[in-house]
Amino acid sequence: MRRYSNFDEIDKDLKILKLQTEIDKEEIKLSLDQTKESLSPMSLIGGTVGAIIQKALVLKAVSKIFGIKKVVTSSRKK
């Protein structure tokens, strides 16, 4: 435990603690806003579409690199 020799030191530490508390509150607000934004329907849809496009591009690049051809089968009966 810290020992104080005068009231100025106490006041200084109290001001620092108050400012730190305000900073912590603002960080929590920002985190909450970012979480709400990331869980919004548009964000979820955009992220899903982006992931699908990314996987399609990777698959296309891998197939070009390894020379994999797409196999198409027909299930029509004559």
N, C-alpha and C. Protein backbone atom coordinates (compact mmCIF):
# COMPACT_ATOMS: atom_id res chain seq x y z
N MET A 1 0.83 -1.18 0.00
CA MET A 1 0.00 0.00 0.00
C MET A 1 0.88 1.24 0.00
N ARG A 2 0.47 2.18 -0.80
CA ARG A 2 1.27 3.39 -0.93
C ARG A 2 0.98 4.35 0.22
N ARG A 3 2.03 5.01 0.68
CA ARG A 3 1.89 6.01 1.73
C ARG A 3 2.06 7.39 1.10
N TYR A 4 1.16 8.25 1.43
CA TYR A 4 1.19 9.61 0.90
C TYR A 4 1.74 10.57 1.95
N SER A 5 2.51 11.54 1.46
CA SER A 5 3.09 12.51 2.39
C SER A 5 2.31 13.83 2.40
N ASN A 6 1.44 14.02 1.38
CA ASN A 6 0.62 15.23 1.38
C ASN A 6 -0.63 15.00 0.53
N PHE A 7 -1.55 15.95 0.60
CA PHE A 7 -2.82 15.81 -0.11
C PHE A 7 -2.67 15.99 -1.62
N ASP A 8 -1.64 16.69 -2.04
CA ASP A 8 -1.41 16.86 -3.48
C ASP A 8 -1.15 15.52 -4.16
N GLU A 9 -0.41 14.66 -3.51
CA GLU A 9 -0.14 13.32 -4.07
C GLU A 9 -1.43 12.51 -4.16
N ILE A 10 -2.27 12.63 -3.15
CA ILE A 10 -3.55 11.93 -3.16
C ILE A 10 -4.42 12.45 -4.30
N ASP A 11 -4.51 13.76 -4.42
CA ASP A 11 -5.30 14.37 -5.49
C ASP A 11 -4.79 13.95 -6.87
N LYS A 12 -3.49 13.91 -7.03
CA LYS A 12 -2.90 13.51 -8.31
C LYS A 12 -3.31 12.08 -8.65
N ASP A 13 -3.17 11.17 -7.70
CA ASP A 13 -3.54 9.78 -7.95
C ASP A 13 -5.03 9.63 -8.21
N LEU A 14 -5.85 10.40 -7.50
CA LEU A 14 -7.30 10.34 -7.73
C LEU A 14 -7.65 10.82 -9.13
N LYS A 15 -7.00 11.85 -9.61
CA LYS A 15 -7.23 12.34 -10.97
C LYS A 15 -6.82 11.29 -12.00
N ILE A 16 -5.68 10.66 -11.75
CA ILE A 16 -5.22 9.61 -12.67
C ILE A 16 -6.21 8.45 -12.70
N LEU A 17 -6.69 8.03 -11.54
CA LEU A 17 -7.66 6.93 -11.47
C LEU A 17 -8.98 7.30 -12.16
N LYS A 18 -9.41 8.54 -11.98
CA LYS A 18 -10.64 9.00 -12.62
C LYS A 18 -10.49 8.98 -14.14
N LEU A 19 -9.37 9.48 -14.63
CA LEU A 19 -9.13 9.47 -16.08
C LEU A 19 -9.04 8.06 -16.63
N GLN A 20 -8.39 7.18 -15.87
CA GLN A 20 -8.28 5.78 -16.32
C GLN A 20 -9.65 5.13 -16.37
N THR A 21 -10.50 5.45 -15.42
CA THR A 21 -11.86 4.93 -15.42
C THR A 21 -12.63 5.42 -16.64
N GLU A 22 -12.49 6.70 -16.97
CA GLU A 22 -13.16 7.24 -18.16
C GLU A 22 -12.65 6.57 -19.43
N ILE A 23 -11.35 6.35 -19.50
CA ILE A 23 -10.76 5.67 -20.67
C ILE A 23 -11.32 4.26 -20.79
N ASP A 24 -11.39 3.55 -19.67
CA ASP A 24 -11.91 2.18 -19.68
C ASP A 24 -13.37 2.15 -20.13
N LYS A 25 -14.17 3.12 -19.67
CA LYS A 25 -15.57 3.18 -20.09
C LYS A 25 -15.68 3.41 -21.59
N GLU A 26 -14.86 4.31 -22.13
CA GLU A 26 -14.89 4.58 -23.57
C GLU A 26 -14.46 3.36 -24.37
N GLU A 27 -13.47 2.64 -23.88
CA GLU A 27 -13.03 1.41 -24.57
C GLU A 27 -14.15 0.38 -24.59
N ILE A 28 -14.89 0.27 -23.50
CA ILE A 28 -16.01 -0.67 -23.45
C ILE A 28 -17.09 -0.25 -24.44
N LYS A 29 -17.39 1.06 -24.50
CA LYS A 29 -18.38 1.55 -25.46
C LYS A 29 -17.96 1.24 -26.89
N LEU A 30 -16.68 1.47 -27.21
CA LEU A 30 -16.19 1.18 -28.56
C LEU A 30 -16.28 -0.30 -28.88
N SER A 31 -15.91 -1.13 -27.93
CA SER A 31 -15.99 -2.58 -28.14
C SER A 31 -17.43 -3.01 -28.37
N LEU A 32 -18.34 -2.46 -27.59
CA LEU A 32 -19.76 -2.79 -27.75
C LEU A 32 -20.27 -2.36 -29.11
N ASP A 33 -19.90 -1.15 -29.54
CA ASP A 33 -20.32 -0.67 -30.87
C ASP A 33 -19.75 -1.55 -31.98
N GLN A 34 -18.49 -1.94 -31.85
CA GLN A 34 -17.87 -2.80 -32.87
C GLN A 34 -18.54 -4.17 -32.90
N THR A 35 -18.91 -4.69 -31.74
CA THR A 35 -19.58 -5.98 -31.69
C THR A 35 -20.96 -5.88 -32.33
N LYS A 36 -21.71 -4.83 -32.01
CA LYS A 36 -23.02 -4.63 -32.63
C LYS A 36 -22.90 -4.53 -34.14
N GLU A 37 -21.89 -3.79 -34.60
CA GLU A 37 -21.70 -3.60 -36.04
C GLU A 37 -21.34 -4.92 -36.72
N SER A 38 -20.50 -5.71 -36.07
CA SER A 38 -20.08 -6.97 -36.70
C SER A 38 -21.20 -8.00 -36.71
N LEU A 39 -22.20 -7.83 -35.84
CA LEU A 39 -23.32 -8.77 -35.80
C LEU A 39 -24.55 -8.27 -36.56
N SER A 40 -24.43 -7.14 -37.23
CA SER A 40 -25.56 -6.62 -38.00
C SER A 40 -25.81 -7.53 -39.20
N PRO A 41 -27.06 -7.62 -39.64
CA PRO A 41 -27.38 -8.49 -40.79
C PRO A 41 -26.56 -8.18 -42.04
N MET A 42 -26.38 -6.90 -42.35
CA MET A 42 -25.61 -6.55 -43.55
C MET A 42 -24.16 -6.99 -43.42
N SER A 43 -23.60 -6.85 -42.24
CA SER A 43 -22.22 -7.25 -42.03
C SER A 43 -22.07 -8.77 -42.15
N LEU A 44 -23.03 -9.50 -41.58
CA LEU A 44 -22.98 -10.97 -41.66
C LEU A 44 -23.12 -11.44 -43.11
N ILE A 45 -24.03 -10.82 -43.85
CA ILE A 45 -24.22 -11.20 -45.25
C ILE A 45 -22.97 -10.85 -46.06
N GLY A 46 -22.45 -9.65 -45.83
CA GLY A 46 -21.23 -9.24 -46.55
C GLY A 46 -20.06 -10.14 -46.24
N GLY A 47 -19.92 -10.53 -45.00
CA GLY A 47 -18.83 -11.42 -44.62
C GLY A 47 -18.98 -12.80 -45.25
N THR A 48 -20.22 -13.29 -45.30
CA THR A 48 -20.48 -14.60 -45.90
C THR A 48 -20.20 -14.57 -47.40
N VAL A 49 -20.70 -13.54 -48.07
CA VAL A 49 -20.47 -13.42 -49.51
C VAL A 49 -18.97 -13.29 -49.80
N GLY A 50 -18.29 -12.48 -48.98
CA GLY A 50 -16.85 -12.31 -49.15
C GLY A 50 -16.10 -13.62 -48.97
N ALA A 51 -16.50 -14.40 -47.99
CA ALA A 51 -15.84 -15.69 -47.74
C ALA A 51 -16.09 -16.66 -48.90
N ILE A 52 -17.30 -16.67 -49.43
CA ILE A 52 -17.62 -17.55 -50.56
C ILE A 52 -16.79 -17.16 -51.79
N ILE A 53 -16.72 -15.87 -52.06
CA ILE A 53 -15.94 -15.40 -53.21
C ILE A 53 -14.46 -15.75 -53.02
N GLN A 54 -13.95 -15.54 -51.81
CA GLN A 54 -12.55 -15.85 -51.54
C GLN A 54 -12.27 -17.34 -51.75
N LYS A 55 -13.16 -18.20 -51.27
CA LYS A 55 -12.96 -19.64 -51.43
C LYS A 55 -13.05 -20.05 -52.90
N ALA A 56 -13.94 -19.40 -53.64
CA ALA A 56 -14.06 -19.71 -55.06
C ALA A 56 -12.79 -19.31 -55.81
N LEU A 57 -12.24 -18.16 -55.46
CA LEU A 57 -11.00 -17.72 -56.12
C LEU A 57 -9.83 -18.63 -55.76
N VAL A 58 -9.75 -19.04 -54.53
CA VAL A 58 -8.68 -19.95 -54.11
C VAL A 58 -8.82 -21.28 -54.83
N LEU A 59 -10.05 -21.80 -54.90
CA LEU A 59 -10.28 -23.07 -55.59
C LEU A 59 -9.89 -22.96 -57.06
N LYS A 60 -10.24 -21.84 -57.68
CA LYS A 60 -9.89 -21.66 -59.09
C LYS A 60 -8.37 -21.59 -59.27
N ALA A 61 -7.70 -20.88 -58.38
CA ALA A 61 -6.24 -20.77 -58.47
C ALA A 61 -5.57 -22.13 -58.26
N VAL A 62 -6.05 -22.87 -57.28
CA VAL A 62 -5.48 -24.20 -57.01
C VAL A 62 -5.72 -25.13 -58.19
N SER A 63 -6.91 -25.06 -58.77
CA SER A 63 -7.20 -25.94 -59.90
C SER A 63 -6.33 -25.58 -61.11
N LYS A 64 -6.02 -24.30 -61.29
CA LYS A 64 -5.14 -23.92 -62.39
C LYS A 64 -3.71 -24.38 -62.13
N ILE A 65 -3.28 -24.25 -60.88
CA ILE A 65 -1.91 -24.64 -60.54
C ILE A 65 -1.71 -26.14 -60.72
N PHE A 66 -2.67 -26.93 -60.26
CA PHE A 66 -2.52 -28.38 -60.32
C PHE A 66 -3.15 -29.00 -61.55
N GLY A 67 -3.76 -28.21 -62.40
CA GLY A 67 -4.34 -28.71 -63.64
C GLY A 67 -5.55 -29.58 -63.42
N ILE A 68 -6.31 -29.31 -62.39
CA ILE A 68 -7.51 -30.10 -62.10
C ILE A 68 -8.64 -29.61 -62.99
N LYS A 69 -9.28 -30.56 -63.64
CA LYS A 69 -10.39 -30.23 -64.52
C LYS A 69 -11.70 -30.55 -63.80
N LYS A 70 -12.71 -29.75 -64.06
CA LYS A 70 -14.02 -29.98 -63.49
C LYS A 70 -14.68 -31.10 -64.24
N VAL A 71 -15.22 -32.08 -63.52
CA VAL A 71 -15.87 -33.22 -64.11
C VAL A 71 -17.37 -32.96 -64.08
N VAL A 72 -17.97 -33.05 -65.27
CA VAL A 72 -19.42 -32.83 -65.36
C VAL A 72 -20.05 -34.16 -65.74
N THR A 73 -21.00 -34.55 -64.93
CA THR A 73 -21.70 -35.82 -65.24
C THR A 73 -23.13 -35.50 -65.62
N SER A 74 -23.62 -36.29 -66.51
CA SER A 74 -25.01 -36.10 -66.95
C SER A 74 -25.83 -37.26 -66.43
N SER A 75 -26.96 -36.94 -65.84
CA SER A 75 -27.82 -37.99 -65.30
C SER A 75 -29.11 -38.11 -66.08
N ARG A 76 -29.11 -37.64 -67.31
CA ARG A 76 -30.30 -37.74 -68.14
C ARG A 76 -30.47 -39.16 -68.68
N LYS A 77 -31.68 -39.59 -68.67
CA LYS A 77 -32.00 -40.90 -69.27
C LYS A 77 -32.75 -40.68 -70.57
N LYS A 78 -32.39 -41.46 -71.56
CA LYS A 78 -33.04 -41.33 -72.88
C LYS A 78 -34.05 -42.42 -73.08
